Amino acid sequence: MAPERGALARAAGFGLVTIVFNVTQPFILVGFPLALLLIVWGPRALWSALLVGAIVGTSLMGDRSGLWWFERGWPLLLAGMFVWITVWQPAWSFSARALAALGLALAASAAIFVASPGVWLDIDTLMAARSSQAIEATGALLGKAADEQVMSLMRGVAGFQVAIFPALVAISSLGALGLAVSVRGWLAGGVSLNIGRLRSFSFSDHLVWVWLAGIAMIVAPIGQIADRIGGNAVFFMGVLYVLRGMAVLLSLIGGVSVVAGVVGSLVVLLIYPLLALILAIALIVGLGDTWLNLRSRLRPDEGGP
């Protein structure tokens, strides 16, 4: 059964989020949840077993560093939490289950890092080294075209990426879960796990306290660790609120076609000031929706996430 256009658009959106924010290996980040979903819910077929075997076998390649274990342990932990949440609360929306699974996986990871700080230091160091290698490789590829100003800008971006890589992993993990669920639904003949449209995307209003706590940790002179935790919290929640704001705007205008969405996205990406303006508007609308619940006020018939 071929996926409908809306399902393909959702899968493409999840894939875009995974790739744009990903700092690990996207194949593994998507593959492990997909494999676990196929094991738990099927379909039960030879090709499904072969696909799971191919995913696991391919993922076992590479040198066994701390980052290697993290890139495989994290998606497995995340997928396990998602399956448990789905079994426990099948009526919840996909966004609610995905965020709950992410929160539980983050809590479990934090407990491991607190118990063994060396594990975190190893991952953090290896992630910084990988980013530096990528910058140097890009500079070598550009050759003389890469002047010192461009390289300085790239190093600054790389440093920022290393500082907020936990938030980037969290955001890309949500996209990977969505893509895995979408692909599994298509393979199962169109059986979905409550993935709604982007225009209905929402999440618990109480998460605004994560945003506010992150800002407080940045502003208060607590220390470097608090600054980093706060920065990651603010960035992660900021992206969620931008997506929520876009969902509200799409709901109010009645949505857009796939072609218009692609063309509009390309135009926005090419014009940086316009991109910054749209992101700022979406952020404000998303934050405002926490208190105003705009969709229920203006479109009472609009469904939940």
Protein backbone atom coordinates (compact mmCIF):
# COMPACT_ATOMS: atom_id res chain seq x y z
CA MET A 1 0.00 0.00 0.00
CA ALA A 2 1.58 3.26 -1.16
CA PRO A 3 1.64 6.07 1.40
CA GLU A 4 -0.72 9.00 0.81
CA ARG A 5 0.66 12.42 -0.05
CA GLY A 6 0.07 13.75 3.46
CA ALA A 7 1.97 10.81 4.98
CA LEU A 8 4.87 11.39 2.59
CA ALA A 9 4.93 15.09 3.47
CA ARG A 10 5.01 14.28 7.19
CA ALA A 11 7.79 11.74 6.68
CA ALA A 12 9.76 14.29 4.64
CA GLY A 13 9.29 16.86 7.39
CA PHE A 14 10.51 14.45 10.06
CA GLY A 15 13.47 13.52 7.88
CA LEU A 16 14.35 17.18 7.34
CA VAL A 17 14.32 17.83 11.09
CA THR A 18 16.51 14.78 11.66
CA ILE A 19 19.10 15.82 9.07
CA VAL A 20 19.20 19.55 9.84
CA PHE A 21 19.70 19.12 13.60
CA ASN A 22 21.60 15.85 13.57
CA VAL A 23 25.13 15.69 15.00
CA THR A 24 25.38 11.89 15.22
CA GLN A 25 24.65 9.24 12.56
CA PRO A 26 21.13 9.72 11.14
CA PHE A 27 20.86 6.16 9.80
CA ILE A 28 21.34 4.71 13.28
CA LEU A 29 19.19 7.37 14.94
CA VAL A 30 16.27 6.40 12.68
CA GLY A 31 17.17 2.74 12.16
CA PHE A 32 17.14 1.57 15.77
CA PRO A 33 13.64 2.93 16.54
CA LEU A 34 12.37 1.52 13.24
CA ALA A 35 13.86 -1.90 14.02
CA LEU A 36 12.32 -1.96 17.50
CA LEU A 37 8.92 -0.87 16.16
CA LEU A 38 9.03 -3.68 13.59
CA ILE A 39 9.99 -6.20 16.28
CA VAL A 40 7.18 -5.14 18.63
CA TRP A 41 4.34 -4.39 16.21
CA GLY A 42 5.40 -6.02 12.97
CA PRO A 43 4.49 -6.68 10.25
CA ARG A 44 5.56 -10.28 10.84
CA ALA A 45 7.23 -11.21 7.59
CA LEU A 46 10.56 -12.48 6.30
CA TRP A 47 11.41 -9.16 4.68
CA SER A 48 10.75 -7.39 7.99
CA ALA A 49 13.16 -9.71 9.81
CA LEU A 50 15.76 -9.18 7.08
CA LEU A 51 15.33 -5.40 7.34
CA VAL A 52 15.82 -5.51 11.11
CA GLY A 53 18.89 -7.71 10.65
CA ALA A 54 20.33 -5.33 8.05
CA ILE A 55 19.81 -2.32 10.34
CA VAL A 56 21.44 -4.02 13.33
CA GLY A 57 24.27 -5.53 11.29
CA THR A 58 25.13 -2.21 9.62
CA SER A 59 24.99 -0.38 12.95
CA LEU A 60 27.60 -2.69 14.48
CA MET A 61 30.29 -1.39 12.14
CA GLY A 62 32.88 1.16 13.24
CA ASP A 63 35.47 1.63 15.96
CA ARG A 64 34.25 1.01 19.52
CA SER A 65 34.79 4.47 21.04
CA GLY A 66 32.65 6.18 23.66
CA LEU A 67 30.88 8.07 20.89
CA TRP A 68 30.19 4.78 19.06
CA TRP A 69 28.40 3.40 22.10
CA PHE A 70 26.49 6.64 22.64
CA GLU A 71 25.30 6.78 19.03
CA ARG A 72 23.81 3.31 19.42
CA GLY A 73 22.80 3.28 23.06
CA TRP A 74 20.88 6.55 22.88
CA PRO A 75 18.49 5.64 20.03
CA LEU A 76 17.93 2.20 21.57
CA LEU A 77 17.08 3.78 24.93
CA LEU A 78 14.85 6.38 23.25
CA ALA A 79 13.03 3.75 21.18
CA GLY A 80 12.50 1.54 24.22
CA MET A 81 10.95 4.42 26.15
CA PHE A 82 8.73 5.30 23.20
CA VAL A 83 7.45 1.73 22.89
CA TRP A 84 6.76 1.58 26.64
CA ILE A 85 4.90 4.93 26.59
CA THR A 86 2.88 3.83 23.54
CA VAL A 87 1.86 0.57 25.23
CA TRP A 88 1.02 2.41 28.45
CA GLN A 89 -0.83 5.37 26.86
CA PRO A 90 -1.84 4.41 23.29
CA ALA A 91 -4.42 7.22 23.13
CA TRP A 92 -1.82 9.94 23.58
CA SER A 93 -0.82 11.93 20.52
CA PHE A 94 2.49 11.18 18.87
CA SER A 95 4.02 14.44 20.09
CA ALA A 96 3.02 13.69 23.70
CA ARG A 97 4.44 10.17 23.55
CA ALA A 98 7.62 11.27 21.79
CA LEU A 99 8.28 14.08 24.28
CA ALA A 100 7.56 11.78 27.23
CA ALA A 101 9.94 9.15 25.82
CA LEU A 102 12.58 11.83 25.24
CA GLY A 103 12.21 13.10 28.80
CA LEU A 104 12.57 9.62 30.28
CA ALA A 105 15.57 8.84 28.06
CA LEU A 106 17.24 12.13 29.06
CA ALA A 107 16.61 11.40 32.73
CA ALA A 108 18.12 7.91 32.41
CA SER A 109 21.13 9.29 30.51
CA ALA A 110 21.64 12.04 33.09
CA ALA A 111 21.65 9.43 35.87
CA ILE A 112 24.33 7.46 34.02
CA PHE A 113 26.47 10.56 33.46
CA VAL A 114 26.16 11.64 37.11
CA ALA A 115 27.15 8.16 38.27
CA SER A 116 30.04 8.00 35.77
CA PRO A 117 31.19 11.55 34.87
CA GLY A 118 34.01 10.14 32.78
CA VAL A 119 31.50 8.77 30.29
CA TRP A 120 30.10 12.23 29.66
CA LEU A 121 33.56 13.82 29.43
CA ASP A 122 34.58 11.22 26.87
CA ILE A 123 31.51 11.84 24.72
CA ASP A 124 31.85 15.62 24.99
CA THR A 125 35.53 15.51 24.04
CA LEU A 126 34.96 13.20 21.10
CA MET A 127 32.08 15.34 19.84
CA ALA A 128 34.30 18.44 19.95
CA ALA A 129 37.06 16.55 18.12
CA ARG A 130 34.62 15.41 15.43
CA SER A 131 33.43 18.98 14.90
CA SER A 132 37.02 20.27 14.63
CA GLN A 133 37.87 17.58 12.11
CA ALA A 134 34.83 18.52 10.03
CA ILE A 135 35.88 22.18 10.01
CA GLU A 136 39.44 21.34 8.99
CA ALA A 137 38.20 19.01 6.27
CA THR A 138 35.90 21.73 4.93
CA GLY A 139 38.76 24.22 4.95
CA ALA A 140 41.01 21.82 3.07
CA LEU A 141 38.25 21.19 0.53
CA LEU A 142 37.71 24.91 -0.07
CA GLY A 143 41.43 25.54 -0.28
CA LYS A 144 42.40 29.15 -0.96
CA ALA A 145 38.74 30.12 -1.25
CA ALA A 146 38.40 29.71 2.52
CA ASP A 147 39.82 32.97 3.91
CA GLU A 148 40.47 33.49 7.60
CA GLN A 149 37.18 35.34 8.17
CA VAL A 150 35.15 32.46 6.75
CA MET A 151 37.11 29.89 8.75
CA SER A 152 36.68 31.96 11.91
CA LEU A 153 32.93 32.04 11.35
CA MET A 154 32.86 28.30 10.75
CA ARG A 155 34.83 27.66 13.94
CA GLY A 156 32.40 29.83 15.86
CA VAL A 157 29.44 27.88 14.49
CA ALA A 158 31.21 24.63 15.30
CA GLY A 159 31.87 25.77 18.86
CA PHE A 160 28.23 26.70 19.30
CA GLN A 161 27.19 23.34 17.87
CA VAL A 162 29.41 21.51 20.35
CA ALA A 163 28.02 23.54 23.26
CA ILE A 164 24.40 22.73 22.40
CA PHE A 165 24.85 19.28 20.94
CA PRO A 166 22.61 17.69 23.64
CA ALA A 167 19.74 19.92 22.46
CA LEU A 168 20.53 19.10 18.83
CA VAL A 169 20.49 15.38 19.64
CA ALA A 170 17.14 15.81 21.41
CA ILE A 171 15.53 17.66 18.50
CA SER A 172 16.88 15.29 15.85
CA SER A 173 15.71 12.36 18.00
CA LEU A 174 12.12 13.63 17.85
CA GLY A 175 12.41 13.84 14.07
CA ALA A 176 13.94 10.36 13.92
CA LEU A 177 11.10 8.91 16.00
CA GLY A 178 8.56 10.53 13.70
CA LEU A 179 10.30 9.23 10.59
CA ALA A 180 10.61 5.72 12.05
CA VAL A 181 6.92 5.65 13.02
CA SER A 182 5.93 6.96 9.57
CA VAL A 183 8.02 4.38 7.72
CA ARG A 184 6.79 1.55 9.93
CA GLY A 185 3.20 2.67 9.34
CA TRP A 186 3.74 2.60 5.60
CA LEU A 187 5.37 -0.85 5.75
CA ALA A 188 2.43 -2.09 7.83
CA GLY A 189 -0.07 -1.00 5.19
CA GLY A 190 -0.91 2.49 6.36
CA VAL A 191 -1.31 1.71 10.06
CA SER A 192 -0.27 4.86 11.94
CA LEU A 193 0.46 5.54 15.59
CA ASN A 194 -1.54 8.74 16.02
CA ILE A 195 0.66 11.09 14.00
CA GLY A 196 -1.39 14.18 13.31
CA ARG A 197 -0.87 17.09 10.93
CA LEU A 198 1.70 19.81 11.56
CA ARG A 199 -1.07 22.36 12.01
CA SER A 200 -2.31 20.46 15.07
CA PHE A 201 1.13 20.16 16.70
CA SER A 202 1.18 21.12 20.35
CA PHE A 203 2.59 19.99 23.68
CA SER A 204 2.00 20.50 27.38
CA ASP A 205 1.82 24.16 28.40
CA HIS A 206 3.77 23.26 31.56
CA LEU A 207 6.92 22.85 29.47
CA VAL A 208 7.17 26.64 29.39
CA TRP A 209 8.82 26.26 32.81
CA VAL A 210 11.71 24.43 31.12
CA TRP A 211 12.16 27.49 28.88
CA LEU A 212 11.98 29.90 31.84
CA ALA A 213 14.29 27.77 33.99
CA GLY A 214 16.83 27.69 31.15
CA ILE A 215 16.76 31.49 30.86
CA ALA A 216 17.19 31.82 34.63
CA MET A 217 20.20 29.49 34.58
CA ILE A 218 21.83 31.58 31.85
CA VAL A 219 21.15 34.94 33.51
CA ALA A 220 22.03 33.93 37.09
CA PRO A 221 25.79 33.77 37.84
CA ILE A 222 25.70 30.10 38.83
CA GLY A 223 28.54 28.71 36.78
CA GLN A 224 29.60 27.30 33.43
CA ILE A 225 27.74 24.02 33.85
CA ALA A 226 24.49 25.84 34.61
CA ASP A 227 25.06 28.13 31.62
CA ARG A 228 25.42 25.14 29.33
CA ILE A 229 22.39 23.31 30.73
CA GLY A 230 20.34 26.49 30.48
CA GLY A 231 21.50 27.20 26.94
CA ASN A 232 20.53 23.72 25.80
CA ALA A 233 17.12 24.01 27.48
CA VAL A 234 16.44 27.40 25.89
CA PHE A 235 17.51 26.25 22.42
CA PHE A 236 15.52 23.02 22.59
CA MET A 237 12.34 24.67 23.82
CA GLY A 238 12.86 27.54 21.39
CA VAL A 239 12.79 25.13 18.45
CA LEU A 240 9.65 23.47 19.85
CA TYR A 241 7.94 26.83 20.24
CA VAL A 242 8.92 27.85 16.71
CA LEU A 243 7.31 24.64 15.41
CA ARG A 244 4.25 25.29 17.56
CA GLY A 245 4.03 28.83 16.22
CA MET A 246 4.23 27.55 12.64
CA ALA A 247 1.49 25.04 13.46
CA VAL A 248 -0.72 27.85 14.76
CA LEU A 249 -0.10 30.00 11.68
CA LEU A 250 -0.81 27.07 9.34
CA SER A 251 -4.00 26.34 11.23
CA LEU A 252 -5.19 29.93 10.98
CA ILE A 253 -4.57 30.16 7.22
CA GLY A 254 -5.96 26.70 6.54
CA GLY A 255 -2.67 25.07 5.55
CA VAL A 256 -0.60 25.23 2.36
CA SER A 257 0.00 22.85 -0.50
CA VAL A 258 3.14 20.74 -0.68
CA VAL A 259 4.46 22.66 -3.71
CA ALA A 260 3.83 26.04 -2.09
CA GLY A 261 5.49 24.82 1.10
CA VAL A 262 8.62 23.64 -0.72
CA VAL A 263 8.93 26.80 -2.83
CA GLY A 264 8.29 29.03 0.15
CA SER A 265 10.85 27.19 2.27
CA LEU A 266 13.52 27.56 -0.43
CA VAL A 267 12.84 31.30 -0.75
CA VAL A 268 13.01 31.77 3.01
CA LEU A 269 16.26 29.79 3.32
CA LEU A 270 17.87 31.89 0.59
CA ILE A 271 16.90 35.21 2.20
CA TYR A 272 18.37 35.23 5.70
CA PRO A 273 16.61 38.37 7.05
CA LEU A 274 13.27 36.89 5.99
CA LEU A 275 14.15 33.61 7.69
CA ALA A 276 15.08 35.40 10.92
CA LEU A 277 11.82 37.39 10.82
CA ILE A 278 9.66 34.31 10.27
CA LEU A 279 11.42 32.39 13.04
CA ALA A 280 10.95 35.32 15.43
CA ILE A 281 7.25 35.60 14.57
CA ALA A 282 6.75 31.85 14.94
CA LEU A 283 8.53 31.87 18.31
CA ILE A 284 6.33 34.69 19.62
CA VAL A 285 3.16 33.02 18.33
CA GLY A 286 4.21 29.65 19.77
CA LEU A 287 4.91 31.16 23.20
CA GLY A 288 1.67 33.13 23.06
CA ASP A 289 -0.30 30.00 22.26
CA THR A 290 0.73 28.64 25.67
CA TRP A 291 -1.57 31.13 27.36
CA LEU A 292 -4.03 32.12 24.60
CA ASN A 293 -4.70 28.71 22.97
CA LEU A 294 -5.28 30.48 19.66
CA ARG A 295 -6.47 27.51 17.63
CA SER A 296 -9.29 26.58 19.98
CA ARG A 297 -10.43 30.22 20.11
CA LEU A 298 -10.44 30.87 16.37
CA ARG A 299 -11.02 27.32 15.06
CA PRO A 300 -13.03 25.36 17.61
CA ASP A 301 -13.23 22.37 15.27
CA GLU A 302 -9.44 22.04 15.04
CA GLY A 303 -8.32 18.63 16.34
CA GLY A 304 -5.62 17.97 18.90
CA PRO A 305 -2.05 17.00 18.14
